Amino acid sequence: MDINDVTFKINGAVFEVNRVLGSGFLEKVYEKALMLELNAVGLKAFAQAPIKVEYKEQIVGEYLVDILVEDRIIIELKAVEKLQKVHEAQILNYLKATDLKIGLLVNFTFPKAEIKRFIL
């Protein structure tokens, strides 16, 4: 499946979760609901997927990304009033730590979900 098609399906899933749940829940609630929706639209997704940070071929750190979709796109979820630069830095670090090129920073906020796309 083309990467733009995957991203389109992810966006639809995010907006469906936001439409049904609205705002005010913890990230974990949105994560579980989004996992259900991603699977329902036929995407292979893994919650709390581990990624390793290497330095000179040695593992020096490990992170858990909120959701990894089709082994190609990282989704970082937030449920905050406003996204901050630190949230953007977080997803950029995840992308740098992997060979992945696309990350989506999703904030479930009022009145609608906000999605920021990052490409390395």
C-alpha atoms as a PDB file:
ATOM      1  CA  MET A   1       0.000   0.000   0.000  1.00  0.00           C
ATOM      2  CA  ASP A   2       1.280   3.458  -0.921  1.00  0.00           C
ATOM      3  CA  ILE A   3       2.494   5.525   2.042  1.00  0.00           C
ATOM      4  CA  ASN A   4       0.015   8.303   1.233  1.00  0.00           C
ATOM      5  CA  ASP A   5      -2.841   5.771   1.311  1.00  0.00           C
ATOM      6  CA  VAL A   6      -1.666   4.547   4.717  1.00  0.00           C
ATOM      7  CA  THR A   7      -1.481   8.116   6.017  1.00  0.00           C
ATOM      8  CA  PHE A   8      -4.955   8.844   4.629  1.00  0.00           C
ATOM      9  CA  LYS A   9      -6.377   5.811   6.476  1.00  0.00           C
ATOM     10  CA  ILE A  10      -4.612   6.837   9.686  1.00  0.00           C
ATOM     11  CA  ASN A  11      -6.057  10.354   9.441  1.00  0.00           C
ATOM     12  CA  GLY A  12      -9.541   8.925   8.951  1.00  0.00           C
ATOM     13  CA  ALA A  13      -9.099   6.630  11.948  1.00  0.00           C
ATOM     14  CA  VAL A  14      -7.914   9.528  14.135  1.00  0.00           C
ATOM     15  CA  PHE A  15     -10.879  11.694  13.209  1.00  0.00           C
ATOM     16  CA  GLU A  16     -13.295   8.807  13.791  1.00  0.00           C
ATOM     17  CA  VAL A  17     -11.895   8.212  17.291  1.00  0.00           C
ATOM     18  CA  ASN A  18     -12.125  11.934  17.997  1.00  0.00           C
ATOM     19  CA  ARG A  19     -15.698  12.070  16.667  1.00  0.00           C
ATOM     20  CA  VAL A  20     -16.817   9.201  18.904  1.00  0.00           C
ATOM     21  CA  LEU A  21     -14.839   9.949  22.081  1.00  0.00           C
ATOM     22  CA  GLY A  22     -14.367  13.703  21.906  1.00  0.00           C
ATOM     23  CA  SER A  23     -11.802  15.323  24.173  1.00  0.00           C
ATOM     24  CA  GLY A  24     -10.924  14.917  27.826  1.00  0.00           C
ATOM     25  CA  PHE A  25      -9.598  11.355  28.081  1.00  0.00           C
ATOM     26  CA  LEU A  26      -6.098  10.141  28.887  1.00  0.00           C
ATOM     27  CA  GLU A  27      -3.711   9.179  26.079  1.00  0.00           C
ATOM     28  CA  LYS A  28      -4.112   5.461  26.852  1.00  0.00           C
ATOM     29  CA  VAL A  29      -7.838   5.629  26.101  1.00  0.00           C
ATOM     30  CA  TYR A  30      -7.152   7.206  22.721  1.00  0.00           C
ATOM     31  CA  GLU A  31      -4.366   4.716  22.046  1.00  0.00           C
ATOM     32  CA  LYS A  32      -6.647   1.729  22.616  1.00  0.00           C
ATOM     33  CA  ALA A  33      -9.480   3.242  20.584  1.00  0.00           C
ATOM     34  CA  LEU A  34      -7.133   4.180  17.741  1.00  0.00           C
ATOM     35  CA  MET A  35      -5.672   0.661  17.687  1.00  0.00           C
ATOM     36  CA  LEU A  36      -9.190  -0.728  17.251  1.00  0.00           C
ATOM     37  CA  GLU A  37      -9.931   1.742  14.463  1.00  0.00           C
ATOM     38  CA  LEU A  38      -6.629   1.150  12.646  1.00  0.00           C
ATOM     39  CA  ASN A  39      -7.232  -2.595  12.667  1.00  0.00           C
ATOM     40  CA  ALA A  40     -10.814  -2.033  11.481  1.00  0.00           C
ATOM     41  CA  VAL A  41      -9.557  -0.163   8.395  1.00  0.00           C
ATOM     42  CA  GLY A  42      -7.103  -2.953   7.609  1.00  0.00           C
ATOM     43  CA  LEU A  43      -3.851  -1.472   8.869  1.00  0.00           C
ATOM     44  CA  LYS A  44      -1.261  -3.494  10.769  1.00  0.00           C
ATOM     45  CA  ALA A  45      -0.529  -1.530  13.935  1.00  0.00           C
ATOM     46  CA  PHE A  46       1.432  -2.213  17.113  1.00  0.00           C
ATOM     47  CA  ALA A  47       0.976  -0.285  20.362  1.00  0.00           C
ATOM     48  CA  GLN A  48       3.978   0.521  22.554  1.00  0.00           C
ATOM     49  CA  ALA A  49       6.400  -0.712  19.896  1.00  0.00           C
ATOM     50  CA  PRO A  50      10.031  -0.730  21.076  1.00  0.00           C
ATOM     51  CA  ILE A  51      12.696   1.132  19.133  1.00  0.00           C
ATOM     52  CA  LYS A  52      16.390   1.091  19.898  1.00  0.00           C
ATOM     53  CA  VAL A  53      18.900   3.934  19.739  1.00  0.00           C
ATOM     54  CA  GLU A  54      22.321   2.893  18.498  1.00  0.00           C
ATOM     55  CA  TYR A  55      25.654   4.617  18.812  1.00  0.00           C
ATOM     56  CA  LYS A  56      28.574   3.112  16.910  1.00  0.00           C
ATOM     57  CA  GLU A  57      26.695  -0.166  16.583  1.00  0.00           C
ATOM     58  CA  GLN A  58      25.960  -0.311  20.332  1.00  0.00           C
ATOM     59  CA  ILE A  59      22.474   0.025  21.806  1.00  0.00           C
ATOM     60  CA  VAL A  60      22.497   3.049  24.099  1.00  0.00           C
ATOM     61  CA  GLY A  61      18.786   3.558  24.624  1.00  0.00           C
ATOM     62  CA  GLU A  62      15.315   2.265  23.993  1.00  0.00           C
ATOM     63  CA  TYR A  63      11.984   3.993  23.591  1.00  0.00           C
ATOM     64  CA  LEU A  64       8.419   2.794  23.277  1.00  0.00           C
ATOM     65  CA  VAL A  65       6.539   4.576  20.513  1.00  0.00           C
ATOM     66  CA  ASP A  66       2.802   4.892  21.042  1.00  0.00           C
ATOM     67  CA  ILE A  67       1.827   3.214  17.765  1.00  0.00           C
ATOM     68  CA  LEU A  68       3.810   1.827  14.832  1.00  0.00           C
ATOM     69  CA  VAL A  69       1.728   1.409  11.662  1.00  0.00           C
ATOM     70  CA  GLU A  70       2.658  -0.966   8.825  1.00  0.00           C
ATOM     71  CA  ASP A  71       6.251  -0.920  10.138  1.00  0.00           C
ATOM     72  CA  ARG A  72       6.574   2.454   8.360  1.00  0.00           C
ATOM     73  CA  ILE A  73       4.860   5.234  10.299  1.00  0.00           C
ATOM     74  CA  ILE A  74       5.258   6.271  13.931  1.00  0.00           C
ATOM     75  CA  ILE A  75       2.257   7.800  15.680  1.00  0.00           C
ATOM     76  CA  GLU A  76       2.874   9.749  18.863  1.00  0.00           C
ATOM     77  CA  LEU A  77      -0.313  10.522  20.785  1.00  0.00           C
ATOM     78  CA  LYS A  78      -1.016  13.459  23.049  1.00  0.00           C
ATOM     79  CA  ALA A  79      -4.073  14.675  24.930  1.00  0.00           C
ATOM     80  CA  VAL A  80      -2.978  18.179  25.856  1.00  0.00           C
ATOM     81  CA  GLU A  81      -4.414  21.655  25.465  1.00  0.00           C
ATOM     82  CA  LYS A  82      -1.676  22.699  23.034  1.00  0.00           C
ATOM     83  CA  LEU A  83       1.236  20.901  21.388  1.00  0.00           C
ATOM     84  CA  GLN A  84       4.660  22.157  22.444  1.00  0.00           C
ATOM     85  CA  LYS A  85       8.101  22.070  20.798  1.00  0.00           C
ATOM     86  CA  VAL A  86       9.097  19.277  23.193  1.00  0.00           C
ATOM     87  CA  HIS A  87       6.377  17.059  21.673  1.00  0.00           C
ATOM     88  CA  GLU A  88       7.720  17.744  18.189  1.00  0.00           C
ATOM     89  CA  ALA A  89      11.265  16.995  19.362  1.00  0.00           C
ATOM     90  CA  GLN A  90      10.071  13.686  20.790  1.00  0.00           C
ATOM     91  CA  ILE A  91       8.727  12.371  17.489  1.00  0.00           C
ATOM     92  CA  LEU A  92      11.722  13.705  15.563  1.00  0.00           C
ATOM     93  CA  ASN A  93      14.004  11.796  17.947  1.00  0.00           C
ATOM     94  CA  TYR A  94      11.985   8.632  17.347  1.00  0.00           C
ATOM     95  CA  LEU A  95      12.394   9.065  13.599  1.00  0.00           C
ATOM     96  CA  LYS A  96      16.133   9.716  13.934  1.00  0.00           C
ATOM     97  CA  ALA A  97      16.503   6.561  16.035  1.00  0.00           C
ATOM     98  CA  THR A  98      14.973   4.443  13.257  1.00  0.00           C
ATOM     99  CA  ASP A  99      15.137   4.157   9.503  1.00  0.00           C
ATOM    100  CA  LEU A 100      11.551   5.400   9.363  1.00  0.00           C
ATOM    101  CA  LYS A 101      10.841   8.623   7.521  1.00  0.00           C
ATOM    102  CA  ILE A 102       7.283   9.580   8.524  1.00  0.00           C
ATOM    103  CA  GLY A 103       5.873  10.400  11.928  1.00  0.00           C
ATOM    104  CA  LEU A 104       2.479  11.714  12.934  1.00  0.00           C
ATOM    105  CA  LEU A 105       2.027  13.742  16.096  1.00  0.00           C
ATOM    106  CA  VAL A 106      -1.635  13.474  17.073  1.00  0.00           C
ATOM    107  CA  ASN A 107      -3.273  15.610  19.731  1.00  0.00           C
ATOM    108  CA  PHE A 108      -6.794  14.709  20.813  1.00  0.00           C
ATOM    109  CA  THR A 109      -7.989  18.133  21.815  1.00  0.00           C
ATOM    110  CA  PHE A 110     -11.157  20.208  21.646  1.00  0.00           C
ATOM    111  CA  PRO A 111     -12.925  20.722  19.263  1.00  0.00           C
ATOM    112  CA  LYS A 112     -11.108  18.358  16.871  1.00  0.00           C
ATOM    113  CA  ALA A 113      -7.985  16.254  16.714  1.00  0.00           C
ATOM    114  CA  GLU A 114      -4.813  17.911  15.485  1.00  0.00           C
ATOM    115  CA  ILE A 115      -2.394  15.934  13.290  1.00  0.00           C
ATOM    116  CA  LYS A 116       1.109  17.157  12.468  1.00  0.00           C
ATOM    117  CA  ARG A 117       3.124  15.215   9.892  1.00  0.00           C
ATOM    118  CA  PHE A 118       6.909  15.006  10.132  1.00  0.00           C
ATOM    119  CA  ILE A 119       9.150  13.727   7.348  1.00  0.00           C
ATOM    120  CA  LEU A 120      12.882  13.061   7.635  1.00  0.00           C
END
